[in-house]
Amino acid sequence: MTALQDLKYGQWFRGADVDGDGFITQEDVRMMSARYIDARGTAPDSATARLLTEQMDGFWTNVIAPMDQDGDGKVDLREMTGGFNGVLTDPALYPQQIAPVTDCFFDLVDLNTDGKIDQAEFQQMFDSVAGVPGEDCAEIFAALDRDGSGALGRAEFHQALAEFFYGNDPDAPANHLFGRIAG
């Protein structure tokens, strides 16, 4: 794992530790889902909400929970960065590891369901849910909109998440996806 990945994963960890207790638990992962569902204005019993909750439970079970080295049912920053280092090593595994959750998030962020995420949708979700300040959202969005269309298509969104979790390029636009990292 590189120092850059440590910074990115630490930023993601701070957002995933919803209750702020220094650990990620299955409850944090479920609260993360609830934040997205609430920000989206989606009914908790809707098909989209159920699918996101199911995918996030799978993310907990298959990605986060195995990082729990001491078996206490919670993952601290050290366990998580070590776990990501061991699990998120091969971008070819993105379709199994990250893509299903990314598709659910895309559908939640695409508030008007037009198949793309515009800057207002991006800012609403990443500011209200992930705590990314509005001015950072605008800059990050512009950098992620690689084709200059004014919207992120599903492929651009997937590219951003893959770049965030697997990438080592210090100049990559997606490094700051979950908030500005120092470095």
N, C-alpha and C. Protein backbone atom coordinates (compact mmCIF):
# COMPACT_ATOMS: atom_id res chain seq x y z
N MET A 1 0.85 -1.17 0.00
CA MET A 1 0.00 0.00 0.00
C MET A 1 0.89 1.23 0.00
N THR A 2 0.49 2.21 -0.75
CA THR A 2 1.26 3.44 -0.83
C THR A 2 0.76 4.44 0.20
N ALA A 3 1.57 5.47 0.43
CA ALA A 3 1.17 6.54 1.35
C ALA A 3 -0.10 7.22 0.84
N LEU A 4 -0.23 7.36 -0.48
CA LEU A 4 -1.43 7.96 -1.05
C LEU A 4 -2.66 7.12 -0.74
N GLN A 5 -2.54 5.81 -0.90
CA GLN A 5 -3.68 4.95 -0.58
C GLN A 5 -4.02 5.04 0.90
N ASP A 6 -3.02 5.10 1.76
CA ASP A 6 -3.27 5.28 3.19
C ASP A 6 -4.11 6.53 3.44
N LEU A 7 -3.76 7.63 2.78
CA LEU A 7 -4.51 8.88 2.94
C LEU A 7 -5.94 8.72 2.45
N LYS A 8 -6.11 8.14 1.26
CA LYS A 8 -7.45 7.97 0.70
C LYS A 8 -8.30 7.05 1.57
N TYR A 9 -7.73 5.94 1.98
CA TYR A 9 -8.47 4.99 2.79
C TYR A 9 -8.82 5.60 4.15
N GLY A 10 -7.91 6.41 4.69
CA GLY A 10 -8.21 7.10 5.95
C GLY A 10 -9.38 8.05 5.80
N GLN A 11 -9.43 8.76 4.68
CA GLN A 11 -10.55 9.68 4.42
C GLN A 11 -11.85 8.89 4.29
N TRP A 12 -11.80 7.77 3.57
CA TRP A 12 -12.99 6.94 3.43
C TRP A 12 -13.41 6.41 4.79
N PHE A 13 -12.44 5.97 5.60
CA PHE A 13 -12.72 5.43 6.93
C PHE A 13 -13.48 6.46 7.78
N ARG A 14 -13.03 7.71 7.75
CA ARG A 14 -13.69 8.75 8.56
C ARG A 14 -15.16 8.90 8.16
N GLY A 15 -15.44 8.78 6.87
CA GLY A 15 -16.82 8.86 6.43
C GLY A 15 -17.63 7.62 6.76
N ALA A 16 -16.97 6.46 6.72
CA ALA A 16 -17.66 5.19 7.00
C ALA A 16 -17.89 4.96 8.49
N ASP A 17 -17.10 5.61 9.32
CA ASP A 17 -17.29 5.52 10.78
C ASP A 17 -18.40 6.50 11.16
N VAL A 18 -19.61 6.14 10.80
CA VAL A 18 -20.75 7.05 10.89
C VAL A 18 -20.97 7.54 12.32
N ASP A 19 -20.82 6.68 13.31
CA ASP A 19 -21.06 7.11 14.69
C ASP A 19 -19.83 7.73 15.34
N GLY A 20 -18.71 7.78 14.61
CA GLY A 20 -17.52 8.48 15.09
C GLY A 20 -16.81 7.84 16.27
N ASP A 21 -16.97 6.53 16.45
CA ASP A 21 -16.34 5.89 17.61
C ASP A 21 -14.96 5.31 17.33
N GLY A 22 -14.44 5.53 16.10
CA GLY A 22 -13.13 5.02 15.76
C GLY A 22 -13.12 3.62 15.20
N PHE A 23 -14.31 3.09 14.91
CA PHE A 23 -14.44 1.74 14.36
C PHE A 23 -15.51 1.74 13.28
N ILE A 24 -15.38 0.82 12.33
CA ILE A 24 -16.46 0.55 11.38
C ILE A 24 -17.06 -0.78 11.80
N THR A 25 -18.38 -0.75 11.98
CA THR A 25 -19.12 -1.96 12.33
C THR A 25 -20.19 -2.18 11.26
N GLN A 26 -20.85 -3.31 11.34
CA GLN A 26 -21.95 -3.55 10.41
C GLN A 26 -23.02 -2.47 10.58
N GLU A 27 -23.21 -2.02 11.79
CA GLU A 27 -24.19 -0.95 12.02
C GLU A 27 -23.77 0.34 11.32
N ASP A 28 -22.47 0.67 11.32
CA ASP A 28 -22.00 1.84 10.59
C ASP A 28 -22.31 1.71 9.10
N VAL A 29 -22.07 0.52 8.56
CA VAL A 29 -22.33 0.28 7.14
C VAL A 29 -23.82 0.45 6.86
N ARG A 30 -24.66 -0.02 7.75
CA ARG A 30 -26.11 0.15 7.57
C ARG A 30 -26.52 1.62 7.73
N MET A 31 -25.88 2.31 8.67
CA MET A 31 -26.17 3.75 8.83
C MET A 31 -25.71 4.53 7.60
N MET A 32 -24.60 4.09 6.99
CA MET A 32 -24.13 4.72 5.76
C MET A 32 -25.19 4.56 4.67
N SER A 33 -25.74 3.37 4.55
CA SER A 33 -26.81 3.13 3.58
C SER A 33 -27.99 4.04 3.87
N ALA A 34 -28.37 4.13 5.14
CA ALA A 34 -29.52 4.96 5.53
C ALA A 34 -29.27 6.43 5.18
N ARG A 35 -28.04 6.91 5.34
CA ARG A 35 -27.73 8.30 4.98
C ARG A 35 -27.97 8.53 3.51
N TYR A 36 -27.52 7.61 2.66
CA TYR A 36 -27.74 7.76 1.22
C TYR A 36 -29.22 7.68 0.88
N ILE A 37 -29.91 6.75 1.50
CA ILE A 37 -31.34 6.59 1.24
C ILE A 37 -32.10 7.84 1.68
N ASP A 38 -31.77 8.36 2.86
CA ASP A 38 -32.43 9.58 3.36
C ASP A 38 -32.15 10.79 2.46
N ALA A 39 -30.87 10.97 2.08
CA ALA A 39 -30.51 12.10 1.23
C ALA A 39 -31.20 12.02 -0.12
N ARG A 40 -31.41 10.82 -0.57
CA ARG A 40 -32.06 10.59 -1.85
C ARG A 40 -33.56 10.83 -1.76
N GLY A 41 -34.09 10.74 -0.54
CA GLY A 41 -35.53 10.87 -0.37
C GLY A 41 -36.26 9.60 -0.79
N THR A 42 -35.54 8.49 -0.78
CA THR A 42 -36.11 7.20 -1.16
C THR A 42 -36.75 6.55 0.06
N ALA A 43 -37.89 5.95 -0.12
CA ALA A 43 -38.55 5.24 0.97
C ALA A 43 -37.68 4.07 1.40
N PRO A 44 -37.51 3.88 2.70
CA PRO A 44 -36.65 2.79 3.19
C PRO A 44 -37.08 1.40 2.72
N ASP A 45 -38.34 1.25 2.35
CA ASP A 45 -38.81 -0.07 1.91
C ASP A 45 -38.88 -0.19 0.38
N SER A 46 -38.32 0.81 -0.33
CA SER A 46 -38.34 0.76 -1.80
C SER A 46 -37.36 -0.29 -2.30
N ALA A 47 -37.52 -0.67 -3.54
CA ALA A 47 -36.63 -1.65 -4.16
C ALA A 47 -35.19 -1.14 -4.17
N THR A 48 -35.00 0.14 -4.48
CA THR A 48 -33.65 0.72 -4.52
C THR A 48 -33.01 0.68 -3.14
N ALA A 49 -33.78 1.04 -2.11
CA ALA A 49 -33.25 1.03 -0.74
C ALA A 49 -32.92 -0.39 -0.29
N ARG A 50 -33.80 -1.32 -0.60
CA ARG A 50 -33.54 -2.72 -0.23
C ARG A 50 -32.29 -3.25 -0.94
N LEU A 51 -32.15 -2.93 -2.22
CA LEU A 51 -30.99 -3.39 -2.97
C LEU A 51 -29.70 -2.78 -2.41
N LEU A 52 -29.72 -1.49 -2.12
CA LEU A 52 -28.53 -0.86 -1.56
C LEU A 52 -28.18 -1.49 -0.22
N THR A 53 -29.16 -1.70 0.64
CA THR A 53 -28.91 -2.31 1.95
C THR A 53 -28.34 -3.71 1.78
N GLU A 54 -28.89 -4.46 0.84
CA GLU A 54 -28.39 -5.81 0.57
C GLU A 54 -26.94 -5.77 0.06
N GLN A 55 -26.66 -4.86 -0.87
CA GLN A 55 -25.31 -4.74 -1.42
C GLN A 55 -24.32 -4.27 -0.34
N MET A 56 -24.75 -3.35 0.51
CA MET A 56 -23.87 -2.87 1.58
C MET A 56 -23.65 -3.97 2.62
N ASP A 57 -24.66 -4.77 2.90
CA ASP A 57 -24.45 -5.92 3.79
C ASP A 57 -23.42 -6.87 3.19
N GLY A 58 -23.50 -7.07 1.87
CA GLY A 58 -22.51 -7.90 1.19
C GLY A 58 -21.13 -7.28 1.24
N PHE A 59 -21.06 -5.96 1.12
CA PHE A 59 -19.78 -5.25 1.23
C PHE A 59 -19.19 -5.44 2.62
N TRP A 60 -20.06 -5.37 3.65
CA TRP A 60 -19.59 -5.63 5.01
C TRP A 60 -19.05 -7.06 5.12
N THR A 61 -19.85 -8.02 4.69
CA THR A 61 -19.51 -9.42 4.84
C THR A 61 -18.27 -9.82 4.04
N ASN A 62 -18.18 -9.34 2.81
CA ASN A 62 -17.12 -9.80 1.92
C ASN A 62 -15.87 -8.95 1.92
N VAL A 63 -15.98 -7.67 2.30
CA VAL A 63 -14.81 -6.78 2.23
C VAL A 63 -14.39 -6.30 3.61
N ILE A 64 -15.30 -5.73 4.38
CA ILE A 64 -14.93 -5.11 5.65
C ILE A 64 -14.76 -6.12 6.78
N ALA A 65 -15.74 -6.98 7.02
CA ALA A 65 -15.68 -7.92 8.15
C ALA A 65 -14.43 -8.80 8.15
N PRO A 66 -13.96 -9.27 6.99
CA PRO A 66 -12.73 -10.07 7.00
C PRO A 66 -11.49 -9.30 7.49
N MET A 67 -11.57 -8.00 7.57
CA MET A 67 -10.46 -7.18 8.05
C MET A 67 -10.37 -7.18 9.58
N ASP A 68 -11.40 -7.67 10.24
CA ASP A 68 -11.47 -7.69 11.70
C ASP A 68 -10.49 -8.73 12.24
N GLN A 69 -9.26 -8.31 12.43
CA GLN A 69 -8.19 -9.24 12.82
C GLN A 69 -8.35 -9.80 14.22
N ASP A 70 -8.94 -9.03 15.13
CA ASP A 70 -9.04 -9.51 16.52
C ASP A 70 -10.41 -10.10 16.84
N GLY A 71 -11.31 -10.18 15.85
CA GLY A 71 -12.59 -10.84 16.03
C GLY A 71 -13.56 -10.15 16.96
N ASP A 72 -13.42 -8.82 17.13
CA ASP A 72 -14.30 -8.11 18.05
C ASP A 72 -15.54 -7.52 17.37
N GLY A 73 -15.73 -7.82 16.09
CA GLY A 73 -16.93 -7.35 15.38
C GLY A 73 -16.84 -5.92 14.91
N LYS A 74 -15.64 -5.34 14.99
CA LYS A 74 -15.46 -3.97 14.52
C LYS A 74 -14.06 -3.84 13.94
N VAL A 75 -13.92 -2.89 13.03
CA VAL A 75 -12.68 -2.71 12.30
C VAL A 75 -12.16 -1.30 12.57
N ASP A 76 -10.94 -1.21 13.08
CA ASP A 76 -10.34 0.10 13.31
C ASP A 76 -9.55 0.52 12.07
N LEU A 77 -8.99 1.72 12.08
CA LEU A 77 -8.29 2.25 10.92
C LEU A 77 -7.11 1.35 10.53
N ARG A 78 -6.37 0.86 11.49
CA ARG A 78 -5.21 0.01 11.20
C ARG A 78 -5.67 -1.28 10.52
N GLU A 79 -6.72 -1.90 11.05
CA GLU A 79 -7.23 -3.13 10.45
C GLU A 79 -7.76 -2.87 9.04
N MET A 80 -8.46 -1.74 8.87
CA MET A 80 -9.04 -1.43 7.57
C MET A 80 -7.97 -1.17 6.52
N THR A 81 -6.98 -0.35 6.84
CA THR A 81 -5.95 -0.08 5.84
C THR A 81 -5.16 -1.35 5.53
N GLY A 82 -4.87 -2.15 6.53
CA GLY A 82 -4.21 -3.43 6.29
C GLY A 82 -5.08 -4.35 5.45
N GLY A 83 -6.37 -4.35 5.73
CA GLY A 83 -7.30 -5.18 4.98
C GLY A 83 -7.45 -4.73 3.54
N PHE A 84 -7.60 -3.41 3.33
CA PHE A 84 -7.68 -2.91 1.96
C PHE A 84 -6.40 -3.27 1.21
N ASN A 85 -5.27 -3.17 1.91
CA ASN A 85 -4.00 -3.52 1.29
C ASN A 85 -4.01 -4.97 0.82
N GLY A 86 -4.64 -5.86 1.59
CA GLY A 86 -4.69 -7.27 1.23
C GLY A 86 -5.79 -7.63 0.26
N VAL A 87 -6.89 -6.87 0.27
CA VAL A 87 -8.06 -7.22 -0.53
C VAL A 87 -8.13 -6.44 -1.84
N LEU A 88 -7.86 -5.16 -1.79
CA LEU A 88 -8.04 -4.31 -2.97
C LEU A 88 -6.71 -4.15 -3.71
N THR A 89 -6.11 -5.26 -4.06
CA THR A 89 -4.81 -5.24 -4.71
C THR A 89 -4.89 -5.38 -6.22
N ASP A 90 -5.98 -5.91 -6.71
CA ASP A 90 -6.09 -6.22 -8.12
C ASP A 90 -7.30 -5.53 -8.72
N PRO A 91 -7.08 -4.49 -9.54
CA PRO A 91 -8.21 -3.79 -10.15
C PRO A 91 -9.12 -4.71 -10.97
N ALA A 92 -8.62 -5.84 -11.39
CA ALA A 92 -9.45 -6.79 -12.15
C ALA A 92 -10.58 -7.34 -11.29
N LEU A 93 -10.45 -7.24 -9.96
CA LEU A 93 -11.49 -7.72 -9.05
C LEU A 93 -12.55 -6.66 -8.75
N TYR A 94 -12.39 -5.46 -9.30
CA TYR A 94 -13.36 -4.39 -9.09
C TYR A 94 -14.80 -4.85 -9.34
N PRO A 95 -15.07 -5.59 -10.42
CA PRO A 95 -16.47 -5.99 -10.66
C PRO A 95 -17.09 -6.78 -9.51
N GLN A 96 -16.31 -7.57 -8.80
CA GLN A 96 -16.85 -8.34 -7.68
C GLN A 96 -16.80 -7.55 -6.37
N GLN A 97 -15.79 -6.73 -6.19
CA GLN A 97 -15.55 -6.10 -4.90
C GLN A 97 -16.30 -4.77 -4.71
N ILE A 98 -16.30 -3.93 -5.70
CA ILE A 98 -16.80 -2.57 -5.52
C ILE A 98 -17.96 -2.25 -6.47
N ALA A 99 -17.97 -2.79 -7.67
CA ALA A 99 -18.94 -2.40 -8.69
C ALA A 99 -20.40 -2.55 -8.26
N PRO A 100 -20.81 -3.63 -7.59
CA PRO A 100 -22.23 -3.73 -7.23
C PRO A 100 -22.70 -2.58 -6.32
N VAL A 101 -21.88 -2.20 -5.36
CA VAL A 101 -22.25 -1.09 -4.48
C VAL A 101 -22.22 0.22 -5.26
N THR A 102 -21.25 0.37 -6.17
CA THR A 102 -21.16 1.58 -6.98
C THR A 102 -22.41 1.76 -7.83
N ASP A 103 -22.91 0.69 -8.41
CA ASP A 103 -24.15 0.79 -9.20
C ASP A 103 -25.31 1.28 -8.34
N CYS A 104 -25.43 0.77 -7.13
CA CYS A 104 -26.50 1.22 -6.23
C CYS A 104 -26.34 2.70 -5.89
N PHE A 105 -25.11 3.10 -5.58
CA PHE A 105 -24.87 4.51 -5.26
C PHE A 105 -25.17 5.40 -6.47
N PHE A 106 -24.77 4.96 -7.65
CA PHE A 106 -25.05 5.74 -8.85
C PHE A 106 -26.55 5.99 -8.95
N ASP A 107 -27.34 4.93 -8.77
CA ASP A 107 -28.79 5.07 -8.87
C ASP A 107 -29.35 6.00 -7.80
N LEU A 108 -28.76 6.00 -6.62
CA LEU A 108 -29.21 6.91 -5.57
C LEU A 108 -28.82 8.35 -5.86
N VAL A 109 -27.62 8.56 -6.39
CA VAL A 109 -27.15 9.93 -6.67
C VAL A 109 -27.88 10.51 -7.87
N ASP A 110 -28.27 9.68 -8.82
CA ASP A 110 -29.00 10.12 -10.01
C ASP A 110 -30.45 10.41 -9.61
N LEU A 111 -30.64 11.54 -8.96
CA LEU A 111 -31.93 11.88 -8.35
C LEU A 111 -33.07 11.94 -9.36
N ASN A 112 -32.80 12.45 -10.56
CA ASN A 112 -33.88 12.56 -11.54
C ASN A 112 -33.96 11.36 -12.47
N THR A 113 -33.18 10.34 -12.19
CA THR A 113 -33.18 9.05 -12.91
C THR A 113 -33.01 9.19 -14.42
N ASP A 114 -32.16 10.15 -14.84
CA ASP A 114 -31.92 10.32 -16.27
C ASP A 114 -30.69 9.55 -16.76
N GLY A 115 -30.12 8.73 -15.91
CA GLY A 115 -28.99 7.92 -16.31
C GLY A 115 -27.64 8.61 -16.24
N LYS A 116 -27.62 9.79 -15.65
CA LYS A 116 -26.36 10.51 -15.45
C LYS A 116 -26.47 11.35 -14.18
N ILE A 117 -25.32 11.72 -13.65
CA ILE A 117 -25.27 12.52 -12.42
C ILE A 117 -24.78 13.90 -12.80
N ASP A 118 -25.64 14.90 -12.59
CA ASP A 118 -25.21 16.27 -12.85
C ASP A 118 -24.55 16.85 -11.60
N GLN A 119 -24.00 18.03 -11.73
CA GLN A 119 -23.24 18.61 -10.62
C GLN A 119 -24.12 18.84 -9.39
N ALA A 120 -25.35 19.26 -9.56
CA ALA A 120 -26.24 19.49 -8.42
C ALA A 120 -26.52 18.19 -7.68
N GLU A 121 -26.77 17.11 -8.42
CA GLU A 121 -27.01 15.81 -7.79
C GLU A 121 -25.76 15.34 -7.04
N PHE A 122 -24.62 15.48 -7.69
CA PHE A 122 -23.35 15.07 -7.08
C PHE A 122 -23.13 15.85 -5.79
N GLN A 123 -23.32 17.15 -5.86
CA GLN A 123 -23.07 17.99 -4.68
C GLN A 123 -24.06 17.66 -3.56
N GLN A 124 -25.32 17.45 -3.89
CA GLN A 124 -26.29 17.13 -2.85
C GLN A 124 -25.89 15.88 -2.09
N MET A 125 -25.50 14.85 -2.81
CA MET A 125 -25.17 13.59 -2.16
C MET A 125 -23.83 13.66 -1.42
N PHE A 126 -22.80 14.18 -2.07
CA PHE A 126 -21.49 14.14 -1.45
C PHE A 126 -21.31 15.20 -0.37
N ASP A 127 -22.08 16.29 -0.44
CA ASP A 127 -22.03 17.28 0.62
C ASP A 127 -22.86 16.82 1.81
N SER A 128 -24.11 16.43 1.57
CA SER A 128 -24.99 16.07 2.69
C SER A 128 -24.67 14.72 3.29
N VAL A 129 -24.17 13.80 2.51
CA VAL A 129 -23.96 12.44 3.00
C VAL A 129 -22.51 12.20 3.41
N ALA A 130 -21.58 12.60 2.56
CA ALA A 130 -20.17 12.32 2.85
C ALA A 130 -19.47 13.51 3.49
N GLY A 131 -20.17 14.63 3.64
CA GLY A 131 -19.57 15.80 4.28
C GLY A 131 -18.51 16.48 3.45
N VAL A 132 -18.56 16.32 2.13
CA VAL A 132 -17.60 16.99 1.26
C VAL A 132 -18.12 18.41 1.03
N PRO A 133 -17.36 19.45 1.40
CA PRO A 133 -17.83 20.83 1.23
C PRO A 133 -18.20 21.14 -0.21
N GLY A 134 -19.18 22.02 -0.37
CA GLY A 134 -19.70 22.36 -1.69
C GLY A 134 -18.64 22.81 -2.68
N GLU A 135 -17.69 23.65 -2.24
CA GLU A 135 -16.67 24.13 -3.17
C GLU A 135 -15.77 22.97 -3.63
N ASP A 136 -15.51 22.03 -2.73
CA ASP A 136 -14.73 20.85 -3.11
C ASP A 136 -15.53 19.98 -4.07
N CYS A 137 -16.83 19.84 -3.81
CA CYS A 137 -17.68 19.03 -4.70
C CYS A 137 -17.62 19.54 -6.13
N ALA A 138 -17.71 20.85 -6.30
CA ALA A 138 -17.69 21.43 -7.65
C ALA A 138 -16.38 21.13 -8.35
N GLU A 139 -15.28 21.29 -7.65
CA GLU A 139 -13.96 21.03 -8.23
C GLU A 139 -13.77 19.55 -8.55
N ILE A 140 -14.16 18.70 -7.63
CA ILE A 140 -14.03 17.25 -7.84
C ILE A 140 -14.91 16.81 -9.00
N PHE A 141 -16.15 17.31 -9.01
CA PHE A 141 -17.06 16.95 -10.11
C PHE A 141 -16.47 17.32 -11.46
N ALA A 142 -15.97 18.55 -11.57
CA ALA A 142 -15.40 19.00 -12.84
C ALA A 142 -14.24 18.10 -13.28
N ALA A 143 -13.42 17.69 -12.34
CA ALA A 143 -12.29 16.82 -12.68
C ALA A 143 -12.75 15.42 -13.09
N LEU A 144 -13.82 14.94 -12.49
CA LEU A 144 -14.32 13.60 -12.81
C LEU A 144 -15.08 13.56 -14.13
N ASP A 145 -15.61 14.70 -14.55
CA ASP A 145 -16.36 14.80 -15.80
C ASP A 145 -15.36 14.85 -16.96
N ARG A 146 -14.77 13.73 -17.23
CA ARG A 146 -13.65 13.64 -18.18
C ARG A 146 -14.03 14.00 -19.61
N ASP A 147 -15.29 13.77 -19.97
CA ASP A 147 -15.68 14.09 -21.34
C ASP A 147 -16.25 15.50 -21.46
N GLY A 148 -16.32 16.23 -20.34
CA GLY A 148 -16.78 17.61 -20.37
C GLY A 148 -18.26 17.77 -20.68
N SER A 149 -19.04 16.73 -20.47
CA SER A 149 -20.47 16.77 -20.83
C SER A 149 -21.33 17.50 -19.80
N GLY A 150 -20.77 17.80 -18.64
CA GLY A 150 -21.57 18.43 -17.59
C GLY A 150 -22.29 17.42 -16.73
N ALA A 151 -22.00 16.13 -16.96
CA ALA A 151 -22.62 15.07 -16.17
C ALA A 151 -21.67 13.88 -16.13
N LEU A 152 -21.85 13.07 -15.10
CA LEU A 152 -21.09 11.83 -15.00
C LEU A 152 -21.98 10.69 -15.44
N GLY A 153 -21.53 9.97 -16.46
CA GLY A 153 -22.22 8.76 -16.85
C GLY A 153 -21.82 7.63 -15.90
N ARG A 154 -22.50 6.53 -16.01
CA ARG A 154 -22.21 5.39 -15.14
C ARG A 154 -20.75 4.94 -15.29
N ALA A 155 -20.24 4.93 -16.51
CA ALA A 155 -18.84 4.50 -16.73
C ALA A 155 -17.87 5.46 -16.04
N GLU A 156 -18.12 6.77 -16.13
CA GLU A 156 -17.24 7.74 -15.45
C GLU A 156 -17.30 7.56 -13.93
N PHE A 157 -18.48 7.28 -13.42
CA PHE A 157 -18.64 7.08 -11.97
C PHE A 157 -17.86 5.82 -11.54
N HIS A 158 -17.99 4.76 -12.31
CA HIS A 158 -17.23 3.54 -12.00
C HIS A 158 -15.73 3.80 -12.08
N GLN A 159 -15.31 4.55 -13.09
CA GLN A 159 -13.90 4.86 -13.24
C GLN A 159 -13.39 5.62 -12.00
N ALA A 160 -14.20 6.53 -11.49
CA ALA A 160 -13.80 7.30 -10.31
C ALA A 160 -13.64 6.40 -9.09
N LEU A 161 -14.58 5.49 -8.88
CA LEU A 161 -14.48 4.61 -7.70
C LEU A 161 -13.32 3.64 -7.83
N ALA A 162 -13.10 3.12 -9.03
CA ALA A 162 -11.96 2.22 -9.24
C ALA A 162 -10.65 2.98 -9.01
N GLU A 163 -10.58 4.20 -9.52
CA GLU A 163 -9.39 5.03 -9.34
C GLU A 163 -9.16 5.33 -7.86
N PHE A 164 -10.23 5.61 -7.14
CA PHE A 164 -10.09 5.91 -5.71
C PHE A 164 -9.55 4.71 -4.95
N PHE A 165 -10.18 3.56 -5.12
CA PHE A 165 -9.82 2.40 -4.30
C PHE A 165 -8.55 1.69 -4.75
N TYR A 166 -8.23 1.72 -6.04
CA TYR A 166 -7.09 0.95 -6.52
C TYR A 166 -5.92 1.82 -7.01
N GLY A 167 -6.17 3.09 -7.27
CA GLY A 167 -5.17 3.92 -7.92
C GLY A 167 -4.07 4.45 -7.03
N ASN A 168 -2.93 4.74 -7.66
CA ASN A 168 -1.76 5.29 -6.98
C ASN A 168 -1.26 6.59 -7.59
N ASP A 169 -2.00 7.15 -8.52
CA ASP A 169 -1.59 8.37 -9.19
C ASP A 169 -1.90 9.57 -8.29
N PRO A 170 -0.88 10.30 -7.85
CA PRO A 170 -1.13 11.43 -6.95
C PRO A 170 -1.95 12.55 -7.58
N ASP A 171 -2.04 12.59 -8.91
CA ASP A 171 -2.79 13.63 -9.59
C ASP A 171 -4.17 13.18 -10.06
N ALA A 172 -4.58 11.97 -9.68
CA ALA A 172 -5.86 11.43 -10.14
C ALA A 172 -7.02 12.24 -9.54
N PRO A 173 -7.99 12.60 -10.35
CA PRO A 173 -9.12 13.40 -9.87
C PRO A 173 -9.91 12.72 -8.75
N ALA A 174 -10.00 11.42 -8.77
CA ALA A 174 -10.84 10.72 -7.80
C ALA A 174 -10.21 10.60 -6.41
N ASN A 175 -8.98 11.01 -6.25
CA ASN A 175 -8.34 10.91 -4.93
C ASN A 175 -9.15 11.61 -3.85
N HIS A 176 -9.84 12.68 -4.22
CA HIS A 176 -10.56 13.50 -3.25
C HIS A 176 -12.07 13.23 -3.26
N LEU A 177 -12.48 12.10 -3.83
CA LEU A 177 -13.89 11.77 -3.98
C LEU A 177 -14.65 11.83 -2.67
N PHE A 178 -14.06 11.35 -1.59
CA PHE A 178 -14.74 11.32 -0.29
C PHE A 178 -14.24 12.42 0.64
N GLY A 179 -13.73 13.49 0.06
CA GLY A 179 -13.22 14.62 0.82
C GLY A 179 -11.76 14.84 0.50
N ARG A 180 -11.35 16.08 0.59
CA ARG A 180 -9.99 16.47 0.25
C ARG A 180 -9.01 15.77 1.18
N ILE A 181 -8.03 15.12 0.58
CA ILE A 181 -6.99 14.46 1.37
C ILE A 181 -5.78 15.38 1.42
N ALA A 182 -5.06 15.33 2.54
CA ALA A 182 -3.83 16.11 2.66
C ALA A 182 -2.71 15.34 1.98
N GLY A 183 -1.77 16.05 1.47
CA GLY A 183 -0.63 15.33 0.92
C GLY A 183 -0.13 15.81 -0.36
